[in-house]
């Protein structure tokens, strides 16, 4: 019936996001390693999601490296040793 707080025993780490009833909500660090979230009065739907903090640059590096990898795996034409 009253506003409360949710203690989530998941490691607090950058990249975690939370939504309460479809609205983004800040996650706070509690007890040094856990997550805590403020909740409004009444029933709420809570959703957590995680994406590594450097996901964008990692995907960009992968995209740039993929053609190099593909080029390195191409079939190599070998010269016939009988043809000098």
N, C-alpha and C. Protein backbone atom coordinates (compact mmCIF):
# COMPACT_ATOMS: atom_id res chain seq x y z
N UNK A 1 0.82 -1.20 0.00
CA UNK A 1 0.00 0.00 0.00
C UNK A 1 0.86 1.26 0.00
N UNK A 2 2.10 1.16 0.47
CA UNK A 2 2.97 2.34 0.56
C UNK A 2 4.18 2.15 -0.37
N UNK A 3 4.84 3.25 -0.74
CA UNK A 3 6.07 3.11 -1.52
C UNK A 3 7.09 2.26 -0.76
N UNK A 4 7.90 1.52 -1.49
CA UNK A 4 8.89 0.66 -0.85
C UNK A 4 10.14 0.57 -1.71
N UNK A 5 11.06 -0.28 -1.30
CA UNK A 5 12.31 -0.47 -2.03
C UNK A 5 12.50 -1.97 -2.27
N UNK A 6 13.02 -2.29 -3.42
CA UNK A 6 13.30 -3.67 -3.78
C UNK A 6 14.80 -3.88 -3.70
N UNK A 7 15.24 -4.84 -2.90
CA UNK A 7 16.64 -5.22 -2.83
C UNK A 7 16.81 -6.42 -3.76
N UNK A 8 17.62 -6.24 -4.76
CA UNK A 8 17.87 -7.31 -5.73
C UNK A 8 19.28 -7.82 -5.50
N UNK A 9 19.40 -9.08 -5.19
CA UNK A 9 20.72 -9.64 -4.90
C UNK A 9 21.41 -10.09 -6.17
N UNK A 10 21.57 -9.13 -7.03
CA UNK A 10 22.32 -9.28 -8.28
C UNK A 10 23.46 -8.28 -8.17
N UNK A 11 24.64 -8.64 -8.68
CA UNK A 11 25.77 -7.73 -8.58
C UNK A 11 25.48 -6.41 -9.27
N UNK A 12 25.78 -5.33 -8.58
CA UNK A 12 25.64 -4.00 -9.17
C UNK A 12 26.80 -3.84 -10.14
N UNK A 13 26.48 -3.58 -11.39
CA UNK A 13 27.51 -3.46 -12.41
C UNK A 13 26.98 -2.53 -13.49
N UNK A 14 27.82 -1.66 -14.04
CA UNK A 14 27.35 -0.78 -15.11
C UNK A 14 26.75 -1.58 -16.26
N UNK A 15 25.68 -1.08 -16.80
CA UNK A 15 25.02 -1.75 -17.92
C UNK A 15 23.63 -2.27 -17.55
N UNK A 16 23.36 -2.39 -16.24
CA UNK A 16 22.03 -2.81 -15.81
C UNK A 16 21.05 -1.65 -15.93
N UNK A 17 19.84 -1.96 -16.38
CA UNK A 17 18.77 -0.97 -16.48
C UNK A 17 17.50 -1.59 -15.91
N UNK A 18 16.63 -0.73 -15.40
CA UNK A 18 15.38 -1.20 -14.84
C UNK A 18 14.24 -0.31 -15.30
N UNK A 19 13.07 -0.90 -15.41
CA UNK A 19 11.85 -0.15 -15.73
C UNK A 19 10.76 -0.59 -14.76
N UNK A 20 10.06 0.38 -14.22
CA UNK A 20 8.94 0.11 -13.32
C UNK A 20 7.68 0.60 -14.03
N UNK A 21 6.79 -0.31 -14.32
CA UNK A 21 5.55 0.00 -15.06
C UNK A 21 5.85 0.72 -16.38
N UNK A 22 6.91 0.28 -17.06
CA UNK A 22 7.25 0.81 -18.38
C UNK A 22 8.05 2.10 -18.37
N UNK A 23 8.36 2.64 -17.20
CA UNK A 23 9.14 3.88 -17.09
C UNK A 23 10.52 3.55 -16.52
N UNK A 24 11.57 4.06 -17.17
CA UNK A 24 12.93 3.79 -16.69
C UNK A 24 13.08 4.28 -15.26
N UNK A 25 13.73 3.46 -14.44
CA UNK A 25 13.94 3.77 -13.03
C UNK A 25 15.42 3.59 -12.69
N UNK A 26 15.98 4.49 -11.88
CA UNK A 26 17.40 4.35 -11.52
C UNK A 26 17.64 3.18 -10.57
N UNK A 27 18.73 2.48 -10.82
CA UNK A 27 19.15 1.41 -9.93
C UNK A 27 20.25 1.98 -9.05
N UNK A 28 20.12 1.77 -7.75
CA UNK A 28 21.11 2.26 -6.81
C UNK A 28 21.94 1.12 -6.27
N UNK A 29 23.18 1.43 -5.89
CA UNK A 29 24.05 0.43 -5.29
C UNK A 29 23.74 0.37 -3.79
N UNK A 30 23.60 -0.83 -3.27
CA UNK A 30 23.36 -1.00 -1.85
C UNK A 30 24.21 -2.14 -1.32
N UNK A 31 24.57 -2.07 -0.08
CA UNK A 31 25.39 -3.09 0.59
C UNK A 31 26.64 -3.40 -0.22
N UNK A 32 27.19 -2.38 -0.85
CA UNK A 32 28.42 -2.44 -1.63
C UNK A 32 28.33 -3.20 -2.95
N UNK A 33 27.50 -4.24 -3.05
CA UNK A 33 27.53 -5.05 -4.27
C UNK A 33 26.16 -5.32 -4.89
N UNK A 34 25.07 -5.02 -4.19
CA UNK A 34 23.75 -5.38 -4.69
C UNK A 34 23.04 -4.19 -5.33
N UNK A 35 21.88 -4.45 -5.91
CA UNK A 35 21.07 -3.43 -6.56
C UNK A 35 19.83 -3.15 -5.71
N UNK A 36 19.41 -1.89 -5.73
CA UNK A 36 18.21 -1.51 -5.01
C UNK A 36 17.40 -0.57 -5.90
N UNK A 37 16.10 -0.69 -5.80
CA UNK A 37 15.19 0.04 -6.68
C UNK A 37 14.02 0.57 -5.88
N UNK A 38 13.69 1.85 -6.06
CA UNK A 38 12.53 2.44 -5.40
C UNK A 38 11.26 2.04 -6.15
N UNK A 39 10.24 1.67 -5.40
CA UNK A 39 8.96 1.25 -6.00
C UNK A 39 7.84 2.14 -5.49
N UNK A 40 6.88 2.46 -6.36
CA UNK A 40 5.73 3.25 -5.93
C UNK A 40 4.76 2.38 -5.13
N UNK A 41 3.79 3.02 -4.54
CA UNK A 41 2.75 2.28 -3.81
C UNK A 41 1.95 1.43 -4.79
N UNK A 42 1.48 0.30 -4.33
CA UNK A 42 0.65 -0.58 -5.16
C UNK A 42 1.48 -1.60 -5.92
N UNK A 43 0.79 -2.35 -6.76
CA UNK A 43 1.45 -3.39 -7.57
C UNK A 43 2.19 -2.74 -8.74
N UNK A 44 3.34 -3.30 -9.07
CA UNK A 44 4.16 -2.78 -10.17
C UNK A 44 4.72 -3.92 -10.99
N UNK A 45 4.94 -3.66 -12.26
CA UNK A 45 5.66 -4.61 -13.11
C UNK A 45 7.08 -4.08 -13.25
N UNK A 46 8.04 -4.92 -12.90
CA UNK A 46 9.44 -4.51 -12.91
C UNK A 46 10.18 -5.34 -13.94
N UNK A 47 10.96 -4.67 -14.78
CA UNK A 47 11.75 -5.37 -15.79
C UNK A 47 13.20 -4.92 -15.67
N UNK A 48 14.12 -5.88 -15.69
CA UNK A 48 15.54 -5.59 -15.68
C UNK A 48 16.13 -6.03 -17.01
N UNK A 49 17.12 -5.29 -17.48
CA UNK A 49 17.83 -5.68 -18.71
C UNK A 49 19.31 -5.35 -18.53
N UNK A 50 20.14 -6.02 -19.30
CA UNK A 50 21.57 -5.79 -19.20
C UNK A 50 22.18 -5.75 -20.58
N UNK A 51 23.05 -4.79 -20.79
CA UNK A 51 23.86 -4.71 -22.00
C UNK A 51 25.25 -4.25 -21.55
N UNK A 52 26.30 -4.94 -21.93
CA UNK A 52 27.64 -4.52 -21.52
C UNK A 52 27.89 -3.06 -21.90
N UNK A 53 28.62 -2.32 -21.05
CA UNK A 53 28.82 -0.90 -21.30
C UNK A 53 29.48 -0.58 -22.63
N UNK A 54 30.35 -1.42 -23.12
CA UNK A 54 31.07 -1.14 -24.36
C UNK A 54 30.58 -2.01 -25.51
N UNK A 55 29.32 -2.36 -25.51
CA UNK A 55 28.77 -3.23 -26.54
C UNK A 55 28.88 -2.59 -27.93
N UNK A 56 28.57 -1.32 -28.06
CA UNK A 56 28.63 -0.64 -29.36
C UNK A 56 30.02 -0.68 -29.97
N UNK A 57 31.06 -0.22 -29.26
CA UNK A 57 32.41 -0.29 -29.83
C UNK A 57 32.87 -1.72 -30.13
N UNK A 58 32.47 -2.67 -29.31
CA UNK A 58 32.85 -4.07 -29.57
C UNK A 58 32.21 -4.58 -30.86
N UNK A 59 30.94 -4.26 -31.07
CA UNK A 59 30.27 -4.69 -32.30
C UNK A 59 30.88 -4.00 -33.52
N UNK A 60 31.27 -2.73 -33.37
CA UNK A 60 31.91 -2.02 -34.48
C UNK A 60 33.25 -2.66 -34.83
N UNK A 61 34.05 -3.00 -33.81
CA UNK A 61 35.34 -3.65 -34.05
C UNK A 61 35.14 -5.01 -34.71
N UNK A 62 34.13 -5.75 -34.27
CA UNK A 62 33.83 -7.05 -34.88
C UNK A 62 33.46 -6.86 -36.35
N UNK A 63 32.62 -5.86 -36.64
CA UNK A 63 32.22 -5.60 -38.01
C UNK A 63 33.39 -5.23 -38.91
N UNK A 64 34.35 -4.49 -38.36
CA UNK A 64 35.54 -4.13 -39.13
C UNK A 64 36.48 -5.32 -39.32
N UNK A 65 36.53 -6.20 -38.34
CA UNK A 65 37.44 -7.35 -38.42
C UNK A 65 36.89 -8.48 -39.28
N UNK A 66 35.60 -8.55 -39.44
CA UNK A 66 35.00 -9.65 -40.19
C UNK A 66 35.48 -9.72 -41.64
N UNK A 67 35.54 -8.61 -42.40
CA UNK A 67 36.07 -8.71 -43.77
C UNK A 67 37.53 -9.16 -43.80
N UNK A 68 38.33 -8.74 -42.84
CA UNK A 68 39.74 -9.16 -42.79
C UNK A 68 39.81 -10.66 -42.56
N UNK A 69 38.98 -11.16 -41.67
CA UNK A 69 38.94 -12.60 -41.41
C UNK A 69 38.49 -13.35 -42.67
N UNK A 70 37.46 -12.87 -43.32
CA UNK A 70 36.97 -13.52 -44.54
C UNK A 70 38.06 -13.52 -45.62
N UNK A 71 38.80 -12.41 -45.74
CA UNK A 71 39.86 -12.34 -46.74
C UNK A 71 40.96 -13.34 -46.41
N UNK A 72 41.25 -13.54 -45.14
CA UNK A 72 42.28 -14.49 -44.74
C UNK A 72 41.87 -15.94 -44.97
N UNK A 73 40.60 -16.22 -45.07
CA UNK A 73 40.13 -17.59 -45.27
C UNK A 73 39.87 -17.94 -46.74
N UNK A 74 40.14 -17.00 -47.63
CA UNK A 74 39.88 -17.25 -49.06
C UNK A 74 40.82 -18.34 -49.57
N UNK A 75 40.39 -19.07 -50.60
CA UNK A 75 41.29 -20.08 -51.19
C UNK A 75 42.50 -19.41 -51.84
N UNK A 76 43.63 -20.00 -51.68
CA UNK A 76 44.87 -19.45 -52.25
C UNK A 76 45.24 -20.26 -53.48
N UNK A 77 45.50 -19.55 -54.58
CA UNK A 77 45.95 -20.24 -55.80
C UNK A 77 47.44 -20.53 -55.67
N UNK A 78 47.79 -21.76 -55.86
CA UNK A 78 49.21 -22.14 -55.77
C UNK A 78 49.75 -22.27 -57.19
N UNK A 79 50.95 -21.80 -57.35
CA UNK A 79 51.62 -21.93 -58.65
C UNK A 79 52.06 -23.36 -58.86
N UNK A 80 51.92 -23.83 -60.07
CA UNK A 80 52.36 -25.18 -60.41
C UNK A 80 53.91 -25.20 -60.37
N UNK A 81 54.48 -26.07 -59.55
CA UNK A 81 55.95 -26.08 -59.43
C UNK A 81 56.64 -26.45 -60.75
N UNK A 82 55.92 -27.09 -61.68
CA UNK A 82 56.53 -27.48 -62.96
C UNK A 82 56.66 -26.28 -63.88
N UNK A 83 55.89 -25.23 -63.58
CA UNK A 83 55.96 -24.02 -64.42
C UNK A 83 56.92 -23.03 -63.74
N UNK A 84 58.06 -22.87 -64.28
CA UNK A 84 59.12 -22.09 -63.71
C UNK A 84 58.87 -20.69 -63.65
